[in-house]
PDB file of all heavy atoms in Angstrom:
ATOM      1  N   ILE A   1     -79.918 114.163-151.090  1.00  0.00           N
ATOM      2  CA  ILE A   1     -79.006 115.141-150.484  1.00  0.00           C
ATOM      3  C   ILE A   1     -79.436 116.567-150.814  1.00  0.00           C
ATOM      4  O   ILE A   1     -79.366 117.448-149.954  1.00  0.00           O
ATOM      5  CB  ILE A   1     -77.554 114.870-150.969  1.00  0.00           C
ATOM      6  CG1 ILE A   1     -77.031 113.538-150.421  1.00  0.00           C
ATOM      7  CG2 ILE A   1     -76.615 115.999-150.488  1.00  0.00           C
ATOM      8  CD1 ILE A   1     -75.681 113.154-151.022  1.00  0.00           C
ATOM      9  N   SER A   2     -79.944 116.754-152.037  1.00  0.00           N
ATOM     10  CA  SER A   2     -80.419 118.116-152.367  1.00  0.00           C
ATOM     11  C   SER A   2     -81.602 118.509-151.510  1.00  0.00           C
ATOM     12  O   SER A   2     -81.802 119.664-151.192  1.00  0.00           O
ATOM     13  CB  SER A   2     -80.765 118.143-153.885  1.00  0.00           C
ATOM     14  OG  SER A   2     -81.990 117.462-154.113  1.00  0.00           O
ATOM     15  N   ASN A   3     -82.390 117.486-151.063  1.00  0.00           N
ATOM     16  CA  ASN A   3     -83.551 117.771-150.167  1.00  0.00           C
ATOM     17  C   ASN A   3     -83.137 117.973-148.740  1.00  0.00           C
ATOM     18  O   ASN A   3     -83.529 118.919-148.095  1.00  0.00           O
ATOM     19  CB  ASN A   3     -84.543 116.634-150.305  1.00  0.00           C
ATOM     20  CG  ASN A   3     -85.258 116.537-151.611  1.00  0.00           C
ATOM     21  OD1 ASN A   3     -85.400 117.574-152.276  1.00  0.00           O
ATOM     22  ND2 ASN A   3     -85.734 115.410-152.008  1.00  0.00           N
ATOM     23  N   TYR A   4     -82.325 117.062-148.228  1.00  0.00           N
ATOM     24  CA  TYR A   4     -81.991 117.089-146.802  1.00  0.00           C
ATOM     25  C   TYR A   4     -80.750 117.983-146.464  1.00  0.00           C
ATOM     26  O   TYR A   4     -80.652 118.538-145.397  1.00  0.00           O
ATOM     27  CB  TYR A   4     -81.683 115.670-146.277  1.00  0.00           C
ATOM     28  CG  TYR A   4     -82.904 114.931-145.864  1.00  0.00           C
ATOM     29  CD1 TYR A   4     -83.694 114.249-146.790  1.00  0.00           C
ATOM     30  CD2 TYR A   4     -83.295 114.838-144.531  1.00  0.00           C
ATOM     31  CE1 TYR A   4     -84.861 113.579-146.439  1.00  0.00           C
ATOM     32  CE2 TYR A   4     -84.439 114.168-144.140  1.00  0.00           C
ATOM     33  CZ  TYR A   4     -85.198 113.545-145.102  1.00  0.00           C
ATOM     34  OH  TYR A   4     -86.295 112.868-144.717  1.00  0.00           O
ATOM     35  N   GLY A   5     -79.889 118.161-147.450  1.00  0.00           N
ATOM     36  CA  GLY A   5     -78.684 118.907-147.168  1.00  0.00           C
ATOM     37  C   GLY A   5     -78.706 120.370-147.530  1.00  0.00           C
ATOM     38  O   GLY A   5     -78.061 121.174-146.891  1.00  0.00           O
ATOM     39  N   THR A   6     -79.483 120.710-148.566  1.00  0.00           N
ATOM     40  CA  THR A   6     -79.436 122.113-149.039  1.00  0.00           C
ATOM     41  C   THR A   6     -80.810 122.727-149.245  1.00  0.00           C
ATOM     42  O   THR A   6     -80.902 123.898-149.592  1.00  0.00           O
ATOM     43  CB  THR A   6     -78.631 122.192-150.398  1.00  0.00           C
ATOM     44  OG1 THR A   6     -79.321 121.439-151.356  1.00  0.00           O
ATOM     45  CG2 THR A   6     -77.226 121.704-150.210  1.00  0.00           C
ATOM     46  N   ASN A   7     -81.867 121.972-149.119  1.00  0.00           N
ATOM     47  CA  ASN A   7     -83.229 122.500-149.263  1.00  0.00           C
ATOM     48  C   ASN A   7     -83.671 123.209-147.982  1.00  0.00           C
ATOM     49  O   ASN A   7     -83.582 122.689-146.892  1.00  0.00           O
ATOM     50  CB  ASN A   7     -84.230 121.392-149.630  1.00  0.00           C
ATOM     51  CG  ASN A   7     -85.604 121.885-149.979  1.00  0.00           C
ATOM     52  OD1 ASN A   7     -86.295 122.358-149.122  1.00  0.00           O
ATOM     53  ND2 ASN A   7     -85.930 121.817-151.248  1.00  0.00           N
ATOM     54  N   GLN A   8     -84.166 124.460-148.113  1.00  0.00           N
ATOM     55  CA  GLN A   8     -84.522 125.244-146.919  1.00  0.00           C
ATOM     56  C   GLN A   8     -85.512 124.537-146.040  1.00  0.00           C
ATOM     57  O   GLN A   8     -85.441 124.649-144.823  1.00  0.00           O
ATOM     58  CB  GLN A   8     -85.073 126.585-147.393  1.00  0.00           C
ATOM     59  CG  GLN A   8     -85.669 127.452-146.291  1.00  0.00           C
ATOM     60  CD  GLN A   8     -84.575 127.957-145.376  1.00  0.00           C
ATOM     61  OE1 GLN A   8     -83.404 127.971-145.675  1.00  0.00           O
ATOM     62  NE2 GLN A   8     -84.979 128.392-144.160  1.00  0.00           N
ATOM     63  N   ALA A   9     -86.489 123.839-146.596  1.00  0.00           N
ATOM     64  CA  ALA A   9     -87.544 123.160-145.809  1.00  0.00           C
ATOM     65  C   ALA A   9     -86.918 122.215-144.783  1.00  0.00           C
ATOM     66  O   ALA A   9     -87.407 122.090-143.689  1.00  0.00           O
ATOM     67  CB  ALA A   9     -88.506 122.443-146.733  1.00  0.00           C
ATOM     68  N   GLN A  10     -85.861 121.476-145.199  1.00  0.00           N
ATOM     69  CA  GLN A  10     -85.241 120.550-144.283  1.00  0.00           C
ATOM     70  C   GLN A  10     -84.162 121.223-143.423  1.00  0.00           C
ATOM     71  O   GLN A  10     -84.050 120.952-142.208  1.00  0.00           O
ATOM     72  CB  GLN A  10     -84.614 119.400-145.063  1.00  0.00           C
ATOM     73  CG  GLN A  10     -85.602 118.574-145.872  1.00  0.00           C
ATOM     74  CD  GLN A  10     -86.567 117.801-145.019  1.00  0.00           C
ATOM     75  OE1 GLN A  10     -87.374 118.386-144.248  1.00  0.00           O
ATOM     76  NE2 GLN A  10     -86.492 116.497-145.052  1.00  0.00           N
ATOM     77  N   VAL A  11     -83.368 122.058-144.016  1.00  0.00           N
ATOM     78  CA  VAL A  11     -82.309 122.774-143.275  1.00  0.00           C
ATOM     79  C   VAL A  11     -82.917 123.557-142.069  1.00  0.00           C
ATOM     80  O   VAL A  11     -82.394 123.540-140.994  1.00  0.00           O
ATOM     81  CB  VAL A  11     -81.476 123.691-144.169  1.00  0.00           C
ATOM     82  CG1 VAL A  11     -80.526 124.547-143.360  1.00  0.00           C
ATOM     83  CG2 VAL A  11     -80.688 122.836-145.187  1.00  0.00           C
ATOM     84  N   GLN A  12     -84.033 124.202-142.391  1.00  0.00           N
ATOM     85  CA  GLN A  12     -84.690 125.054-141.356  1.00  0.00           C
ATOM     86  C   GLN A  12     -85.130 124.180-140.156  1.00  0.00           C
ATOM     87  O   GLN A  12     -85.052 124.646-139.000  1.00  0.00           O
ATOM     88  CB  GLN A  12     -85.878 125.772-141.969  1.00  0.00           C
ATOM     89  CG  GLN A  12     -86.479 126.843-141.092  1.00  0.00           C
ATOM     90  CD  GLN A  12     -87.551 127.625-141.861  1.00  0.00           C
ATOM     91  OE1 GLN A  12     -87.538 127.705-143.047  1.00  0.00           O
ATOM     92  NE2 GLN A  12     -88.453 128.254-141.103  1.00  0.00           N
ATOM     93  N   ARG A  13     -85.571 122.967-140.431  1.00  0.00           N
ATOM     94  CA  ARG A  13     -85.956 122.082-139.341  1.00  0.00           C
ATOM     95  C   ARG A  13     -84.740 121.668-138.486  1.00  0.00           C
ATOM     96  O   ARG A  13     -84.835 121.604-137.280  1.00  0.00           O
ATOM     97  CB  ARG A  13     -86.666 120.864-139.884  1.00  0.00           C
ATOM     98  CG  ARG A  13     -88.147 121.047-139.981  1.00  0.00           C
ATOM     99  CD  ARG A  13     -88.740 120.663-141.296  1.00  0.00           C
ATOM    100  NE  ARG A  13     -89.982 121.335-141.508  1.00  0.00           N
ATOM    101  CZ  ARG A  13     -90.085 122.653-141.929  1.00  0.00           C
ATOM    102  NH1 ARG A  13     -89.013 123.326-142.150  1.00  0.00           N
ATOM    103  NH2 ARG A  13     -91.286 123.226-142.041  1.00  0.00           N
ATOM    104  N   ALA A  14     -83.668 121.366-139.175  1.00  0.00           N
ATOM    105  CA  ALA A  14     -82.447 120.957-138.421  1.00  0.00           C
ATOM    106  C   ALA A  14     -81.966 122.102-137.558  1.00  0.00           C
ATOM    107  O   ALA A  14     -81.437 121.908-136.423  1.00  0.00           O
ATOM    108  CB  ALA A  14     -81.348 120.548-139.384  1.00  0.00           C
ATOM    109  N   LEU A  15     -82.156 123.343-138.034  1.00  0.00           N
ATOM    110  CA  LEU A  15     -81.660 124.537-137.263  1.00  0.00           C
ATOM    111  C   LEU A  15     -82.573 124.839-136.028  1.00  0.00           C
ATOM    112  O   LEU A  15     -82.191 125.675-135.242  1.00  0.00           O
ATOM    113  CB  LEU A  15     -81.652 125.785-138.182  1.00  0.00           C
ATOM    114  CG  LEU A  15     -80.670 125.703-139.365  1.00  0.00           C
ATOM    115  CD1 LEU A  15     -80.812 126.918-140.229  1.00  0.00           C
ATOM    116  CD2 LEU A  15     -79.234 125.555-138.843  1.00  0.00           C
ATOM    117  N   THR A  16     -83.700 124.179-135.895  1.00  0.00           N
ATOM    118  CA  THR A  16     -84.525 124.401-134.714  1.00  0.00           C
ATOM    119  C   THR A  16     -84.011 123.609-133.516  1.00  0.00           C
ATOM    120  O   THR A  16     -84.503 123.823-132.407  1.00  0.00           O
ATOM    121  CB  THR A  16     -85.982 123.923-134.970  1.00  0.00           C
ATOM    122  OG1 THR A  16     -86.038 122.555-135.265  1.00  0.00           O
ATOM    123  CG2 THR A  16     -86.581 124.730-136.156  1.00  0.00           C
ATOM    124  N   CYS A  17     -83.078 122.692-133.717  1.00  0.00           N
ATOM    125  CA  CYS A  17     -82.525 121.902-132.576  1.00  0.00           C
ATOM    126  C   CYS A  17     -81.639 122.758-131.734  1.00  0.00           C
ATOM    127  O   CYS A  17     -81.077 123.772-132.149  1.00  0.00           O
ATOM    128  CB  CYS A  17     -81.730 120.740-133.149  1.00  0.00           C
ATOM    129  SG  CYS A  17     -82.738 119.436-133.880  1.00  0.00           S
ATOM    130  N   GLY A  18     -81.493 122.353-130.476  1.00  0.00           N
ATOM    131  CA  GLY A  18     -80.715 123.118-129.504  1.00  0.00           C
ATOM    132  C   GLY A  18     -79.230 123.023-129.694  1.00  0.00           C
ATOM    133  O   GLY A  18     -78.473 123.863-129.156  1.00  0.00           O
ATOM    134  N   SER A  19     -78.724 122.020-130.433  1.00  0.00           N
ATOM    135  CA  SER A  19     -77.279 121.871-130.689  1.00  0.00           C
ATOM    136  C   SER A  19     -77.074 121.165-132.034  1.00  0.00           C
ATOM    137  O   SER A  19     -77.998 120.515-132.518  1.00  0.00           O
ATOM    138  CB  SER A  19     -76.627 121.063-129.546  1.00  0.00           C
ATOM    139  OG  SER A  19     -77.061 119.726-129.582  1.00  0.00           O
ATOM    140  N   LEU A  20     -75.877 121.290-132.535  1.00  0.00           N
ATOM    141  CA  LEU A  20     -75.567 120.568-133.773  1.00  0.00           C
ATOM    142  C   LEU A  20     -75.691 119.092-133.611  1.00  0.00           C
ATOM    143  O   LEU A  20     -76.147 118.419-134.530  1.00  0.00           O
ATOM    144  CB  LEU A  20     -74.146 120.964-134.244  1.00  0.00           C
ATOM    145  CG  LEU A  20     -73.598 120.233-135.481  1.00  0.00           C
ATOM    146  CD1 LEU A  20     -74.515 120.475-136.695  1.00  0.00           C
ATOM    147  CD2 LEU A  20     -72.174 120.679-135.777  1.00  0.00           C
ATOM    148  N   ARG A  21     -75.237 118.576-132.493  1.00  0.00           N
ATOM    149  CA  ARG A  21     -75.322 117.131-132.283  1.00  0.00           C
ATOM    150  C   ARG A  21     -76.781 116.667-132.347  1.00  0.00           C
ATOM    151  O   ARG A  21     -77.055 115.611-132.940  1.00  0.00           O
ATOM    152  CB  ARG A  21     -74.689 116.753-130.925  1.00  0.00           C
ATOM    153  CG  ARG A  21     -74.817 115.278-130.586  1.00  0.00           C
ATOM    154  CD  ARG A  21     -74.030 114.948-129.346  1.00  0.00           C
ATOM    155  NE  ARG A  21     -74.243 113.549-128.962  1.00  0.00           N
ATOM    156  CZ  ARG A  21     -73.650 112.504-129.501  1.00  0.00           C
ATOM    157  NH1 ARG A  21     -72.768 112.689-130.488  1.00  0.00           N
ATOM    158  NH2 ARG A  21     -73.897 111.288-129.089  1.00  0.00           N
ATOM    159  N   HIS A  22     -77.680 117.383-131.723  1.00  0.00           N
ATOM    160  CA  HIS A  22     -79.058 117.028-131.789  1.00  0.00           C
ATOM    161  C   HIS A  22     -79.604 117.059-133.215  1.00  0.00           C
ATOM    162  O   HIS A  22     -80.427 116.234-133.618  1.00  0.00           O
ATOM    163  CB  HIS A  22     -79.898 117.906-130.886  1.00  0.00           C
ATOM    164  CG  HIS A  22     -79.741 117.633-129.422  1.00  0.00           C
ATOM    165  ND1 HIS A  22     -80.165 118.478-128.429  1.00  0.00           N
ATOM    166  CD2 HIS A  22     -79.163 116.605-128.785  1.00  0.00           C
ATOM    167  CE1 HIS A  22     -79.882 117.963-127.271  1.00  0.00           C
ATOM    168  NE2 HIS A  22     -79.272 116.819-127.444  1.00  0.00           N
ATOM    169  N   ALA A  23     -79.169 118.054-133.992  1.00  0.00           N
ATOM    170  CA  ALA A  23     -79.589 118.176-135.375  1.00  0.00           C
ATOM    171  C   ALA A  23     -79.134 116.933-136.186  1.00  0.00           C
ATOM    172  O   ALA A  23     -79.884 116.386-137.023  1.00  0.00           O
ATOM    173  CB  ALA A  23     -79.037 119.423-136.012  1.00  0.00           C
ATOM    174  N   GLN A  24     -77.926 116.487-135.921  1.00  0.00           N
ATOM    175  CA  GLN A  24     -77.374 115.316-136.627  1.00  0.00           C
ATOM    176  C   GLN A  24     -78.126 114.061-136.192  1.00  0.00           C
ATOM    177  O   GLN A  24     -78.371 113.217-137.042  1.00  0.00           O
ATOM    178  CB  GLN A  24     -75.883 115.202-136.348  1.00  0.00           C
ATOM    179  CG  GLN A  24     -75.052 116.313-136.974  1.00  0.00           C
ATOM    180  CD  GLN A  24     -73.615 116.301-136.523  1.00  0.00           C
ATOM    181  OE1 GLN A  24     -73.262 116.054-135.354  1.00  0.00           O
ATOM    182  NE2 GLN A  24     -72.680 116.609-137.453  1.00  0.00           N
ATOM    183  N   ILE A  25     -78.436 113.955-134.905  1.00  0.00           N
ATOM    184  CA  ILE A  25     -79.218 112.812-134.428  1.00  0.00           C
ATOM    185  C   ILE A  25     -80.567 112.776-135.110  1.00  0.00           C
ATOM    186  O   ILE A  25     -81.055 111.723-135.544  1.00  0.00           O
ATOM    187  CB  ILE A  25     -79.360 112.835-132.898  1.00  0.00           C
ATOM    188  CG1 ILE A  25     -78.003 112.595-132.214  1.00  0.00           C
ATOM    189  CG2 ILE A  25     -80.374 111.768-132.452  1.00  0.00           C
ATOM    190  CD1 ILE A  25     -78.031 112.786-130.718  1.00  0.00           C
ATOM    191  N   ALA A  26     -81.204 113.957-135.201  1.00  0.00           N
ATOM    192  CA  ALA A  26     -82.538 114.018-135.848  1.00  0.00           C
ATOM    193  C   ALA A  26     -82.434 113.544-137.279  1.00  0.00           C
ATOM    194  O   ALA A  26     -83.342 112.845-137.823  1.00  0.00           O
ATOM    195  CB  ALA A  26     -83.074 115.460-135.768  1.00  0.00           C
ATOM    196  N   LEU A  27     -81.363 113.929-137.987  1.00  0.00           N
ATOM    197  CA  LEU A  27     -81.224 113.446-139.376  1.00  0.00           C
ATOM    198  C   LEU A  27     -81.021 111.992-139.500  1.00  0.00           C
ATOM    199  O   LEU A  27     -81.640 111.313-140.332  1.00  0.00           O
ATOM    200  CB  LEU A  27     -79.989 114.192-140.012  1.00  0.00           C
ATOM    201  CG  LEU A  27     -80.293 115.653-140.410  1.00  0.00           C
ATOM    202  CD1 LEU A  27     -78.955 116.349-140.651  1.00  0.00           C
ATOM    203  CD2 LEU A  27     -81.146 115.730-141.675  1.00  0.00           C
ATOM    204  N   TRP A  28     -80.238 111.387-138.560  1.00  0.00           N
ATOM    205  CA  TRP A  28     -79.966 109.955-138.659  1.00  0.00           C
ATOM    206  C   TRP A  28     -81.194 109.118-138.237  1.00  0.00           C
ATOM    207  O   TRP A  28     -81.393 108.021-138.689  1.00  0.00           O
ATOM    208  CB  TRP A  28     -78.781 109.558-137.753  1.00  0.00           C
ATOM    209  CG  TRP A  28     -77.456 109.789-138.489  1.00  0.00           C
ATOM    210  CD1 TRP A  28     -76.513 110.691-138.238  1.00  0.00           C
ATOM    211  CD2 TRP A  28     -77.010 109.007-139.611  1.00  0.00           C
ATOM    212  NE1 TRP A  28     -75.472 110.584-139.098  1.00  0.00           N
ATOM    213  CE2 TRP A  28     -75.735 109.553-139.976  1.00  0.00           C
ATOM    214  CE3 TRP A  28     -77.496 107.940-140.350  1.00  0.00           C
ATOM    215  CZ2 TRP A  28     -74.975 109.038-141.017  1.00  0.00           C
ATOM    216  CZ3 TRP A  28     -76.753 107.433-141.365  1.00  0.00           C
ATOM    217  CH2 TRP A  28     -75.510 107.987-141.734  1.00  0.00           C
ATOM    218  N   ILE A  29     -82.051 109.720-137.413  1.00  0.00           N
ATOM    219  CA  ILE A  29     -83.323 109.020-137.062  1.00  0.00           C
ATOM    220  C   ILE A  29     -84.193 108.861-138.300  1.00  0.00           C
ATOM    221  O   ILE A  29     -84.979 107.944-138.409  1.00  0.00           O
ATOM    222  CB  ILE A  29     -84.062 109.798-135.947  1.00  0.00           C
ATOM    223  CG1 ILE A  29     -83.348 109.696-134.614  1.00  0.00           C
ATOM    224  CG2 ILE A  29     -85.508 109.265-135.805  1.00  0.00           C
ATOM    225  CD1 ILE A  29     -83.953 110.525-133.526  1.00  0.00           C
TER     226      ILE A  29
END
């Protein structure tokens, strides 16, 4: 969780998605 939820390297990738839903889908994949 510290890596995927609060680490800049992962958070920044999630923020590249076009919507929050897409970011969440990317995480679950």
